[in-house]
Amino acid sequence: VMDQRGRSVFWHAISHQRLEEAVLILRRFPPQAADGIDASESQAPGNDTLLHLLCSLERFDSNAAEIFNNLLAGAPAEVVAQSNSSGQTFLHMAAARLYFWPMNQLPVQ
């Protein structure tokens, strides 16, 4: 379900820091399922992805970690590497808030 701006219910749950509700949505509609959330969702005008949004929250708790792991597993590589209109990836957002946990979840290449 999308609003008139093309934002999903899942996007709104995260953006309003309703992470318990976002986890419930994610568990019912995992990104790997045919009817799952769209892990590639991004928003104009800033081109932020769900990963950007999640890593810019005021706090990164166990619910955020669960959401992050599922999004990372379900998102295509180009979404994981996507920069927003400011040239920042979700890693920039995490580093700006000193959220080191998301950075430790990426495979080392």
PDB file of N, CA and C in Angstrom:
ATOM      1  N   VAL A   1       0.847  -1.170   0.000  1.00  0.00           N
ATOM      2  CA  VAL A   1       0.000   0.000   0.000  1.00  0.00           C
ATOM      3  C   VAL A   1       0.898   1.242   0.000  1.00  0.00           C
ATOM      4  N   MET A   2       0.604   2.143  -0.927  1.00  0.00           N
ATOM      5  CA  MET A   2       1.395   3.368  -1.077  1.00  0.00           C
ATOM      6  C   MET A   2       0.515   4.597  -0.881  1.00  0.00           C
ATOM      7  N   ASP A   3       1.132   5.671  -0.392  1.00  0.00           N
ATOM      8  CA  ASP A   3       0.404   6.929  -0.300  1.00  0.00           C
ATOM      9  C   ASP A   3       0.526   7.678  -1.628  1.00  0.00           C
ATOM     10  N   GLN A   4      -0.002   8.883  -1.702  1.00  0.00           N
ATOM     11  CA  GLN A   4       0.010   9.648  -2.937  1.00  0.00           C
ATOM     12  C   GLN A   4       1.404  10.061  -3.385  1.00  0.00           C
ATOM     13  N   ARG A   5       2.376  10.016  -2.480  1.00  0.00           N
ATOM     14  CA  ARG A   5       3.761  10.332  -2.831  1.00  0.00           C
ATOM     15  C   ARG A   5       4.574   9.091  -3.175  1.00  0.00           C
ATOM     16  N   GLY A   6       3.928   7.931  -3.132  1.00  0.00           N
ATOM     17  CA  GLY A   6       4.611   6.690  -3.479  1.00  0.00           C
ATOM     18  C   GLY A   6       5.367   6.049  -2.326  1.00  0.00           C
ATOM     19  N   ARG A   7       5.079   6.477  -1.114  1.00  0.00           N
ATOM     20  CA  ARG A   7       5.738   5.913   0.070  1.00  0.00           C
ATOM     21  C   ARG A   7       4.879   4.787   0.644  1.00  0.00           C
ATOM     22  N   SER A   8       5.546   3.696   0.999  1.00  0.00           N
ATOM     23  CA  SER A   8       4.831   2.538   1.531  1.00  0.00           C
ATOM     24  C   SER A   8       4.521   2.705   3.013  1.00  0.00           C
ATOM     25  N   VAL A   9       3.642   1.856   3.489  1.00  0.00           N
ATOM     26  CA  VAL A   9       3.342   1.803   4.923  1.00  0.00           C
ATOM     27  C   VAL A   9       4.620   1.472   5.693  1.00  0.00           C
ATOM     28  N   PHE A  10       5.421   0.583   5.132  1.00  0.00           N
ATOM     29  CA  PHE A  10       6.686   0.203   5.765  1.00  0.00           C
ATOM     30  C   PHE A  10       7.611   1.423   5.882  1.00  0.00           C
ATOM     31  N   TRP A  11       7.712   2.217   4.816  1.00  0.00           N
ATOM     32  CA  TRP A  11       8.526   3.437   4.830  1.00  0.00           C
ATOM     33  C   TRP A  11       8.063   4.370   5.954  1.00  0.00           C
ATOM     34  N   HIS A  12       6.750   4.563   6.047  1.00  0.00           N
ATOM     35  CA  HIS A  12       6.205   5.449   7.070  1.00  0.00           C
ATOM     36  C   HIS A  12       6.473   4.918   8.482  1.00  0.00           C
ATOM     37  N   ALA A  13       6.377   3.614   8.665  1.00  0.00           N
ATOM     38  CA  ALA A  13       6.660   3.039   9.988  1.00  0.00           C
ATOM     39  C   ALA A  13       8.091   3.358  10.404  1.00  0.00           C
ATOM     40  N   ILE A  14       9.026   3.215   9.480  1.00  0.00           N
ATOM     41  CA  ILE A  14      10.428   3.521   9.803  1.00  0.00           C
ATOM     42  C   ILE A  14      10.617   5.025   9.992  1.00  0.00           C
ATOM     43  N   SER A  15      10.096   5.823   9.081  1.00  0.00           N
ATOM     44  CA  SER A  15      10.328   7.270   9.161  1.00  0.00           C
ATOM     45  C   SER A  15       9.729   7.898  10.412  1.00  0.00           C
ATOM     46  N   HIS A  16       8.676   7.289  10.943  1.00  0.00           N
ATOM     47  CA  HIS A  16       8.061   7.788  12.177  1.00  0.00           C
ATOM     48  C   HIS A  16       8.580   7.045  13.415  1.00  0.00           C
ATOM     49  N   GLN A  17       9.678   6.304  13.198  1.00  0.00           N
ATOM     50  CA  GLN A  17      10.362   5.575  14.270  1.00  0.00           C
ATOM     51  C   GLN A  17       9.438   4.610  15.003  1.00  0.00           C
ATOM     52  N   ARG A  18       8.540   3.993  14.262  1.00  0.00           N
ATOM     53  CA  ARG A  18       7.642   2.962  14.781  1.00  0.00           C
ATOM     54  C   ARG A  18       8.231   1.609  14.406  1.00  0.00           C
ATOM     55  N   LEU A  19       9.404   1.313  14.989  1.00  0.00           N
ATOM     56  CA  LEU A  19      10.165   0.144  14.564  1.00  0.00           C
ATOM     57  C   LEU A  19       9.522  -1.174  14.961  1.00  0.00           C
ATOM     58  N   GLU A  20       8.799  -1.199  16.072  1.00  0.00           N
ATOM     59  CA  GLU A  20       8.096  -2.441  16.428  1.00  0.00           C
ATOM     60  C   GLU A  20       7.071  -2.786  15.348  1.00  0.00           C
ATOM     61  N   GLU A  21       6.361  -1.787  14.859  1.00  0.00           N
ATOM     62  CA  GLU A  21       5.384  -2.011  13.801  1.00  0.00           C
ATOM     63  C   GLU A  21       6.086  -2.393  12.501  1.00  0.00           C
ATOM     64  N   ALA A  22       7.219  -1.750  12.216  1.00  0.00           N
ATOM     65  CA  ALA A  22       7.978  -2.076  11.008  1.00  0.00           C
ATOM     66  C   ALA A  22       8.459  -3.530  11.039  1.00  0.00           C
ATOM     67  N   VAL A  23       8.880  -4.005  12.203  1.00  0.00           N
ATOM     68  CA  VAL A  23       9.312  -5.398  12.347  1.00  0.00           C
ATOM     69  C   VAL A  23       8.134  -6.342  12.079  1.00  0.00           C
ATOM     70  N   LEU A  24       6.967  -6.008  12.596  1.00  0.00           N
ATOM     71  CA  LEU A  24       5.789  -6.843  12.348  1.00  0.00           C
ATOM     72  C   LEU A  24       5.457  -6.908  10.851  1.00  0.00           C
ATOM     73  N   ILE A  25       5.530  -5.774  10.183  1.00  0.00           N
ATOM     74  CA  ILE A  25       5.288  -5.738   8.737  1.00  0.00           C
ATOM     75  C   ILE A  25       6.331  -6.588   8.025  1.00  0.00           C
ATOM     76  N   LEU A  26       7.580  -6.418   8.403  1.00  0.00           N
ATOM     77  CA  LEU A  26       8.675  -7.144   7.767  1.00  0.00           C
ATOM     78  C   LEU A  26       8.561  -8.655   7.965  1.00  0.00           C
ATOM     79  N   ARG A  27       8.186  -9.071   9.151  1.00  0.00           N
ATOM     80  CA  ARG A  27       8.032 -10.507   9.410  1.00  0.00           C
ATOM     81  C   ARG A  27       6.887 -11.106   8.590  1.00  0.00           C
ATOM     82  N   ARG A  28       5.839 -10.343   8.395  1.00  0.00           N
ATOM     83  CA  ARG A  28       4.692 -10.830   7.612  1.00  0.00           C
ATOM     84  C   ARG A  28       4.950 -10.743   6.111  1.00  0.00           C
ATOM     85  N   PHE A  29       5.714  -9.731   5.695  1.00  0.00           N
ATOM     86  CA  PHE A  29       5.983  -9.493   4.281  1.00  0.00           C
ATOM     87  C   PHE A  29       7.490  -9.355   4.039  1.00  0.00           C
ATOM     88  N   PRO A  30       8.271 -10.437   4.238  1.00  0.00           N
ATOM     89  CA  PRO A  30       9.729 -10.335   4.054  1.00  0.00           C
ATOM     90  C   PRO A  30      10.069  -9.985   2.602  1.00  0.00           C
ATOM     91  N   PRO A  31      11.162  -9.256   2.389  1.00  0.00           N
ATOM     92  CA  PRO A  31      11.501  -8.815   1.031  1.00  0.00           C
ATOM     93  C   PRO A  31      11.753  -9.964   0.057  1.00  0.00           C
ATOM     94  N   GLN A  32      12.087 -11.134   0.557  1.00  0.00           N
ATOM     95  CA  GLN A  32      12.350 -12.271  -0.318  1.00  0.00           C
ATOM     96  C   GLN A  32      11.060 -12.924  -0.823  1.00  0.00           C
ATOM     97  N   ALA A  33       9.913 -12.628  -0.208  1.00  0.00           N
ATOM     98  CA  ALA A  33       8.634 -13.232  -0.592  1.00  0.00           C
ATOM     99  C   ALA A  33       8.025 -12.484  -1.783  1.00  0.00           C
ATOM    100  N   ALA A  34       7.209 -13.192  -2.548  1.00  0.00           N
ATOM    101  CA  ALA A  34       6.555 -12.587  -3.713  1.00  0.00           C
ATOM    102  C   ALA A  34       5.691 -11.391  -3.333  1.00  0.00           C
ATOM    103  N   ASP A  35       5.044 -11.450  -2.166  1.00  0.00           N
ATOM    104  CA  ASP A  35       4.199 -10.336  -1.708  1.00  0.00           C
ATOM    105  C   ASP A  35       4.903  -9.495  -0.648  1.00  0.00           C
ATOM    106  N   GLY A  36       6.231  -9.571  -0.616  1.00  0.00           N
ATOM    107  CA  GLY A  36       7.006  -8.877   0.418  1.00  0.00           C
ATOM    108  C   GLY A  36       7.200  -7.395   0.152  1.00  0.00           C
ATOM    109  N   ILE A  37       7.750  -6.732   1.144  1.00  0.00           N
ATOM    110  CA  ILE A  37       8.059  -5.302   0.997  1.00  0.00           C
ATOM    111  C   ILE A  37       9.112  -5.137  -0.097  1.00  0.00           C
ATOM    112  N   ASP A  38       9.166  -3.962  -0.668  1.00  0.00           N
ATOM    113  CA  ASP A  38      10.127  -3.675  -1.731  1.00  0.00           C
ATOM    114  C   ASP A  38      11.398  -3.125  -1.093  1.00  0.00           C
ATOM    115  N   ALA A  39      12.424  -3.975  -0.990  1.00  0.00           N
ATOM    116  CA  ALA A  39      13.690  -3.556  -0.381  1.00  0.00           C
ATOM    117  C   ALA A  39      14.410  -2.521  -1.240  1.00  0.00           C
ATOM    118  N   SER A  40      13.941  -2.316  -2.457  1.00  0.00           N
ATOM    119  CA  SER A  40      14.544  -1.326  -3.363  1.00  0.00           C
ATOM    120  C   SER A  40      13.860   0.040  -3.280  1.00  0.00           C
ATOM    121  N   GLU A  41      12.877   0.172  -2.413  1.00  0.00           N
ATOM    122  CA  GLU A  41      12.131   1.435  -2.329  1.00  0.00           C
ATOM    123  C   GLU A  41      13.077   2.595  -2.040  1.00  0.00           C
ATOM    124  N   SER A  42      12.946   3.635  -2.844  1.00  0.00           N
ATOM    125  CA  SER A  42      13.700   4.872  -2.604  1.00  0.00           C
ATOM    126  C   SER A  42      12.770   6.035  -2.889  1.00  0.00           C
ATOM    127  N   GLN A  43      13.117   7.178  -2.362  1.00  0.00           N
ATOM    128  CA  GLN A  43      12.212   8.319  -2.429  1.00  0.00           C
ATOM    129  C   GLN A  43      12.866   9.540  -3.045  1.00  0.00           C
ATOM    130  N   ALA A  44      12.125  10.168  -3.924  1.00  0.00           N
ATOM    131  CA  ALA A  44      12.516  11.458  -4.467  1.00  0.00           C
ATOM    132  C   ALA A  44      12.104  12.510  -3.448  1.00  0.00           C
ATOM    133  N   PRO A  45      12.684  13.644  -3.378  1.00  0.00           N
ATOM    134  CA  PRO A  45      13.716  14.109  -4.268  1.00  0.00           C
ATOM    135  C   PRO A  45      15.120  13.700  -3.840  1.00  0.00           C
ATOM    136  N   GLY A  46      15.290  13.174  -2.640  1.00  0.00           N
ATOM    137  CA  GLY A  46      16.634  12.908  -2.126  1.00  0.00           C
ATOM    138  C   GLY A  46      17.262  11.606  -2.549  1.00  0.00           C
ATOM    139  N   ASN A  47      16.471  10.687  -3.156  1.00  0.00           N
ATOM    140  CA  ASN A  47      16.962   9.386  -3.594  1.00  0.00           C
ATOM    141  C   ASN A  47      17.437   8.512  -2.437  1.00  0.00           C
ATOM    142  N   ASP A  48      16.907   8.762  -1.238  1.00  0.00           N
ATOM    143  CA  ASP A  48      17.237   7.925  -0.086  1.00  0.00           C
ATOM    144  C   ASP A  48      16.540   6.579  -0.208  1.00  0.00           C
ATOM    145  N   THR A  49      17.242   5.522   0.200  1.00  0.00           N
ATOM    146  CA  THR A  49      16.670   4.184   0.239  1.00  0.00           C
ATOM    147  C   THR A  49      16.173   3.899   1.654  1.00  0.00           C
ATOM    148  N   LEU A  50      15.548   2.749   1.832  1.00  0.00           N
ATOM    149  CA  LEU A  50      15.152   2.327   3.175  1.00  0.00           C
ATOM    150  C   LEU A  50      16.380   2.191   4.078  1.00  0.00           C
ATOM    151  N   LEU A  51      17.509   1.773   3.515  1.00  0.00           N
ATOM    152  CA  LEU A  51      18.742   1.666   4.309  1.00  0.00           C
ATOM    153  C   LEU A  51      19.206   3.047   4.775  1.00  0.00           C
ATOM    154  N   HIS A  52      19.126   4.045   3.892  1.00  0.00           N
ATOM    155  CA  HIS A  52      19.454   5.424   4.286  1.00  0.00           C
ATOM    156  C   HIS A  52      18.549   5.875   5.436  1.00  0.00           C
ATOM    157  N   LEU A  53      17.265   5.645   5.241  1.00  0.00           N
ATOM    158  CA  LEU A  53      16.278   6.066   6.232  1.00  0.00           C
ATOM    159  C   LEU A  53      16.553   5.420   7.591  1.00  0.00           C
ATOM    160  N   LEU A  54      16.789   4.131   7.581  1.00  0.00           N
ATOM    161  CA  LEU A  54      17.027   3.397   8.813  1.00  0.00           C
ATOM    162  C   LEU A  54      18.289   3.881   9.524  1.00  0.00           C
ATOM    163  N   CYS A  55      19.339   4.151   8.774  1.00  0.00           N
ATOM    164  CA  CYS A  55      20.610   4.577   9.378  1.00  0.00           C
ATOM    165  C   CYS A  55      20.622   6.048   9.767  1.00  0.00           C
ATOM    166  N   SER A  56      19.532   6.755   9.498  1.00  0.00           N
ATOM    167  CA  SER A  56      19.461   8.160   9.917  1.00  0.00           C
ATOM    168  C   SER A  56      18.546   8.359  11.121  1.00  0.00           C
ATOM    169  N   LEU A  57      18.029   7.274  11.681  1.00  0.00           N
ATOM    170  CA  LEU A  57      17.144   7.377  12.852  1.00  0.00           C
ATOM    171  C   LEU A  57      17.904   7.874  14.079  1.00  0.00           C
ATOM    172  N   GLU A  58      17.166   8.360  15.052  1.00  0.00           N
ATOM    173  CA  GLU A  58      17.774   8.869  16.284  1.00  0.00           C
ATOM    174  C   GLU A  58      18.497   7.790  17.075  1.00  0.00           C
ATOM    175  N   ARG A  59      17.985   6.552  17.021  1.00  0.00           N
ATOM    176  CA  ARG A  59      18.666   5.464  17.720  1.00  0.00           C
ATOM    177  C   ARG A  59      18.587   4.202  16.878  1.00  0.00           C
ATOM    178  N   PHE A  60      19.586   3.368  17.041  1.00  0.00           N
ATOM    179  CA  PHE A  60      19.667   2.112  16.295  1.00  0.00           C
ATOM    180  C   PHE A  60      19.636   0.992  17.321  1.00  0.00           C
ATOM    181  N   ASP A  61      18.457   0.381  17.489  1.00  0.00           N
ATOM    182  CA  ASP A  61      18.275  -0.643  18.519  1.00  0.00           C
ATOM    183  C   ASP A  61      18.132  -2.026  17.889  1.00  0.00           C
ATOM    184  N   SER A  62      17.704  -3.011  18.677  1.00  0.00           N
ATOM    185  CA  SER A  62      17.580  -4.378  18.166  1.00  0.00           C
ATOM    186  C   SER A  62      16.526  -4.481  17.064  1.00  0.00           C
ATOM    187  N   ASN A  63      15.465  -3.703  17.138  1.00  0.00           N
ATOM    188  CA  ASN A  63      14.469  -3.697  16.057  1.00  0.00           C
ATOM    189  C   ASN A  63      15.089  -3.146  14.775  1.00  0.00           C
ATOM    190  N   ALA A  64      15.846  -2.080  14.887  1.00  0.00           N
ATOM    191  CA  ALA A  64      16.517  -1.512  13.719  1.00  0.00           C
ATOM    192  C   ALA A  64      17.494  -2.525  13.129  1.00  0.00           C
ATOM    193  N   ALA A  65      18.188  -3.255  13.985  1.00  0.00           N
ATOM    194  CA  ALA A  65      19.140  -4.269  13.516  1.00  0.00           C
ATOM    195  C   ALA A  65      18.427  -5.376  12.747  1.00  0.00           C
ATOM    196  N   GLU A  66      17.283  -5.825  13.238  1.00  0.00           N
ATOM    197  CA  GLU A  66      16.521  -6.863  12.543  1.00  0.00           C
ATOM    198  C   GLU A  66      16.052  -6.369  11.181  1.00  0.00           C
ATOM    199  N   ILE A  67      15.554  -5.163  11.137  1.00  0.00           N
ATOM    200  CA  ILE A  67      15.101  -4.574   9.874  1.00  0.00           C
ATOM    201  C   ILE A  67      16.284  -4.445   8.921  1.00  0.00           C
ATOM    202  N   PHE A  68      17.390  -3.926   9.439  1.00  0.00           N
ATOM    203  CA  PHE A  68      18.582  -3.722   8.624  1.00  0.00           C
ATOM    204  C   PHE A  68      19.044  -5.032   7.993  1.00  0.00           C
ATOM    205  N   ASN A  69      19.158  -6.081   8.798  1.00  0.00           N
ATOM    206  CA  ASN A  69      19.622  -7.374   8.273  1.00  0.00           C
ATOM    207  C   ASN A  69      18.711  -7.886   7.159  1.00  0.00           C
ATOM    208  N   ASN A  70      17.408  -7.767   7.341  1.00  0.00           N
ATOM    209  CA  ASN A  70      16.467  -8.225   6.325  1.00  0.00           C
ATOM    210  C   ASN A  70      16.533  -7.373   5.060  1.00  0.00           C
ATOM    211  N   LEU A  71      16.663  -6.073   5.216  1.00  0.00           N
ATOM    212  CA  LEU A  71      16.784  -5.205   4.045  1.00  0.00           C
ATOM    213  C   LEU A  71      18.074  -5.487   3.295  1.00  0.00           C
ATOM    214  N   LEU A  72      19.155  -5.641   4.024  1.00  0.00           N
ATOM    215  CA  LEU A  72      20.445  -5.906   3.398  1.00  0.00           C
ATOM    216  C   LEU A  72      20.398  -7.228   2.630  1.00  0.00           C
ATOM    217  N   ALA A  73      19.755  -8.234   3.203  1.00  0.00           N
ATOM    218  CA  ALA A  73      19.646  -9.535   2.539  1.00  0.00           C
ATOM    219  C   ALA A  73      18.720  -9.481   1.322  1.00  0.00           C
ATOM    220  N   GLY A  74      17.717  -8.621   1.360  1.00  0.00           N
ATOM    221  CA  GLY A  74      16.725  -8.577   0.292  1.00  0.00           C
ATOM    222  C   GLY A  74      16.971  -7.544  -0.790  1.00  0.00           C
ATOM    223  N   ALA A  75      17.886  -6.627  -0.559  1.00  0.00           N
ATOM    224  CA  ALA A  75      18.111  -5.543  -1.521  1.00  0.00           C
ATOM    225  C   ALA A  75      19.147  -5.944  -2.574  1.00  0.00           C
ATOM    226  N   PRO A  76      18.914  -5.568  -3.822  1.00  0.00           N
ATOM    227  CA  PRO A  76      19.920  -5.802  -4.857  1.00  0.00           C
ATOM    228  C   PRO A  76      21.189  -4.993  -4.571  1.00  0.00           C
ATOM    229  N   ALA A  77      22.296  -5.441  -5.112  1.00  0.00           N
ATOM    230  CA  ALA A  77      23.599  -4.791  -4.869  1.00  0.00           C
ATOM    231  C   ALA A  77      23.581  -3.305  -5.229  1.00  0.00           C
ATOM    232  N   GLU A  78      22.876  -2.954  -6.313  1.00  0.00           N
ATOM    233  CA  GLU A  78      22.859  -1.539  -6.716  1.00  0.00           C
ATOM    234  C   GLU A  78      22.128  -0.673  -5.702  1.00  0.00           C
ATOM    235  N   VAL A  79      21.171  -1.232  -4.986  1.00  0.00           N
ATOM    236  CA  VAL A  79      20.473  -0.485  -3.939  1.00  0.00           C
ATOM    237  C   VAL A  79      21.381  -0.328  -2.718  1.00  0.00           C
ATOM    238  N   VAL A  80      22.107  -1.377  -2.388  1.00  0.00           N
ATOM    239  CA  VAL A  80      23.035  -1.321  -1.247  1.00  0.00           C
ATOM    240  C   VAL A  80      24.102  -0.258  -1.505  1.00  0.00           C
ATOM    241  N   ALA A  81      24.532  -0.126  -2.750  1.00  0.00           N
ATOM    242  CA  ALA A  81      25.585   0.840  -3.093  1.00  0.00           C
ATOM    243  C   ALA A  81      25.042   2.211  -3.477  1.00  0.00           C
ATOM    244  N   GLN A  82      23.721   2.399  -3.494  1.00  0.00           N
ATOM    245  CA  GLN A  82      23.106   3.628  -3.987  1.00  0.00           C
ATOM    246  C   GLN A  82      23.470   4.847  -3.144  1.00  0.00           C
ATOM    247  N   SER A  83      23.820   5.905  -3.832  1.00  0.00           N
ATOM    248  CA  SER A  83      24.060   7.200  -3.195  1.00  0.00           C
ATOM    249  C   SER A  83      22.806   8.047  -3.312  1.00  0.00           C
ATOM    250  N   ASN A  84      22.574   8.886  -2.307  1.00  0.00           N
ATOM    251  CA  ASN A  84      21.434   9.809  -2.380  1.00  0.00           C
ATOM    252  C   ASN A  84      21.860  11.060  -3.142  1.00  0.00           C
ATOM    253  N   SER A  85      21.001  12.048  -3.187  1.00  0.00           N
ATOM    254  CA  SER A  85      21.296  13.263  -3.954  1.00  0.00           C
ATOM    255  C   SER A  85      22.452  14.065  -3.368  1.00  0.00           C
ATOM    256  N   SER A  86      22.844  13.759  -2.130  1.00  0.00           N
ATOM    257  CA  SER A  86      24.005  14.413  -1.508  1.00  0.00           C
ATOM    258  C   SER A  86      25.282  13.601  -1.714  1.00  0.00           C
ATOM    259  N   GLY A  87      25.176  12.504  -2.466  1.00  0.00           N
ATOM    260  CA  GLY A  87      26.341  11.670  -2.727  1.00  0.00           C
ATOM    261  C   GLY A  87      26.678  10.708  -1.598  1.00  0.00           C
ATOM    262  N   GLN A  88      25.740  10.517  -0.671  1.00  0.00           N
ATOM    263  CA  GLN A  88      25.998   9.670   0.488  1.00  0.00           C
ATOM    264  C   GLN A  88      25.306   8.319   0.349  1.00  0.00           C
ATOM    265  N   THR A  89      26.040   7.261   0.710  1.00  0.00           N
ATOM    266  CA  THR A  89      25.442   5.939   0.812  1.00  0.00           C
ATOM    267  C   THR A  89      24.876   5.802   2.226  1.00  0.00           C
ATOM    268  N   PHE A  90      24.208   4.689   2.483  1.00  0.00           N
ATOM    269  CA  PHE A  90      23.689   4.480   3.839  1.00  0.00           C
ATOM    270  C   PHE A  90      24.828   4.385   4.846  1.00  0.00           C
ATOM    271  N   LEU A  91      26.018   3.977   4.395  1.00  0.00           N
ATOM    272  CA  LEU A  91      27.169   3.904   5.310  1.00  0.00           C
ATOM    273  C   LEU A  91      27.583   5.285   5.807  1.00  0.00           C
ATOM    274  N   HIS A  92      27.468   6.284   4.950  1.00  0.00           N
ATOM    275  CA  HIS A  92      27.745   7.661   5.379  1.00  0.00           C
ATOM    276  C   HIS A  92      26.775   8.079   6.481  1.00  0.00           C
ATOM    277  N   MET A  93      25.507   7.701   6.293  1.00  0.00           N
ATOM    278  CA  MET A  93      24.484   8.048   7.288  1.00  0.00           C
ATOM    279  C   MET A  93      24.789   7.359   8.615  1.00  0.00           C
ATOM    280  N   ALA A  94      25.154   6.082   8.555  1.00  0.00           N
ATOM    281  CA  ALA A  94      25.476   5.328   9.768  1.00  0.00           C
ATOM    282  C   ALA A  94      26.700   5.919  10.457  1.00  0.00           C
ATOM    283  N   ALA A  95      27.723   6.252   9.694  1.00  0.00           N
ATOM    284  CA  ALA A  95      28.952   6.807  10.278  1.00  0.00           C
ATOM    285  C   ALA A  95      28.700   8.166  10.926  1.00  0.00           C
ATOM    286  N   ALA A  96      27.835   8.966  10.310  1.00  0.00           N
ATOM    287  CA  ALA A  96      27.530  10.292  10.864  1.00  0.00           C
ATOM    288  C   ALA A  96      26.880  10.188  12.239  1.00  0.00           C
ATOM    289  N   ARG A  97      26.165   9.095  12.479  1.00  0.00           N
ATOM    290  CA  ARG A  97      25.494   8.887  13.776  1.00  0.00           C
ATOM    291  C   ARG A  97      26.286   7.955  14.690  1.00  0.00           C
ATOM    292  N   LEU A  98      27.474   7.563  14.221  1.00  0.00           N
ATOM    293  CA  LEU A  98      28.337   6.636  14.964  1.00  0.00           C
ATOM    294  C   LEU A  98      27.659   5.288  15.198  1.00  0.00           C
ATOM    295  N   TYR A  99      26.902   4.845  14.190  1.00  0.00           N
ATOM    296  CA  TYR A  99      26.268   3.527  14.226  1.00  0.00           C
ATOM    297  C   TYR A  99      27.215   2.547  13.545  1.00  0.00           C
ATOM    298  N   PHE A 100      28.060   1.911  14.324  1.00  0.00           N
ATOM    299  CA  PHE A 100      29.054   1.017  13.756  1.00  0.00           C
ATOM    300  C   PHE A 100      28.492  -0.365  13.444  1.00  0.00           C
ATOM    301  N   TRP A 101      27.395  -0.733  14.085  1.00  0.00           N
ATOM    302  CA  TRP A 101      26.817  -2.046  13.856  1.00  0.00           C
ATOM    303  C   TRP A 101      26.499  -2.287  12.379  1.00  0.00           C
ATOM    304  N   PRO A 102      25.808  -1.372  11.672  1.00  0.00           N
ATOM    305  CA  PRO A 102      25.530  -1.620  10.253  1.00  0.00           C
ATOM    306  C   PRO A 102      26.794  -1.818   9.421  1.00  0.00           C
ATOM    307  N   MET A 103      27.845  -1.090   9.742  1.00  0.00           N
ATOM    308  CA  MET A 103      29.077  -1.206   8.973  1.00  0.00           C
ATOM    309  C   MET A 103      29.731  -2.565   9.158  1.00  0.00           C
ATOM    310  N   ASN A 104      29.548  -3.174  10.312  1.00  0.00           N
ATOM    311  CA  ASN A 104      30.130  -4.482  10.579  1.00  0.00           C
ATOM    312  C   ASN A 104      29.362  -5.622   9.930  1.00  0.00           C
ATOM    313  N   GLN A 105      28.198  -5.363   9.367  1.00  0.00           N
ATOM    314  CA  GLN A 105      27.385  -6.407   8.745  1.00  0.00           C
ATOM    315  C   GLN A 105      27.698  -6.641   7.278  1.00  0.00           C
ATOM    316  N   LEU A 106      28.461  -5.747   6.691  1.00  0.00           N
ATOM    317  CA  LEU A 106      28.775  -5.887   5.263  1.00  0.00           C
ATOM    318  C   LEU A 106      29.901  -6.887   5.061  1.00  0.00           C
ATOM    319  N   PRO A 107      29.810  -7.693   4.006  1.00  0.00           N
ATOM    320  CA  PRO A 107      30.896  -8.641   3.744  1.00  0.00           C
ATOM    321  C   PRO A 107      32.161  -7.890   3.323  1.00  0.00           C
ATOM    322  N   VAL A 108      33.277  -8.378   3.766  1.00  0.00           N
ATOM    323  CA  VAL A 108      34.573  -7.767   3.415  1.00  0.00           C
ATOM    324  C   VAL A 108      34.993  -8.316   2.068  1.00  0.00           C
ATOM    325  N   GLN A 109      35.385  -7.405   1.178  1.00  0.00           N
ATOM    326  CA  GLN A 109      35.823  -7.833  -0.153  1.00  0.00           C
ATOM    327  C   GLN A 109      37.252  -7.473  -0.389  1.00  0.00           C
TER     328      GLN A 109
END
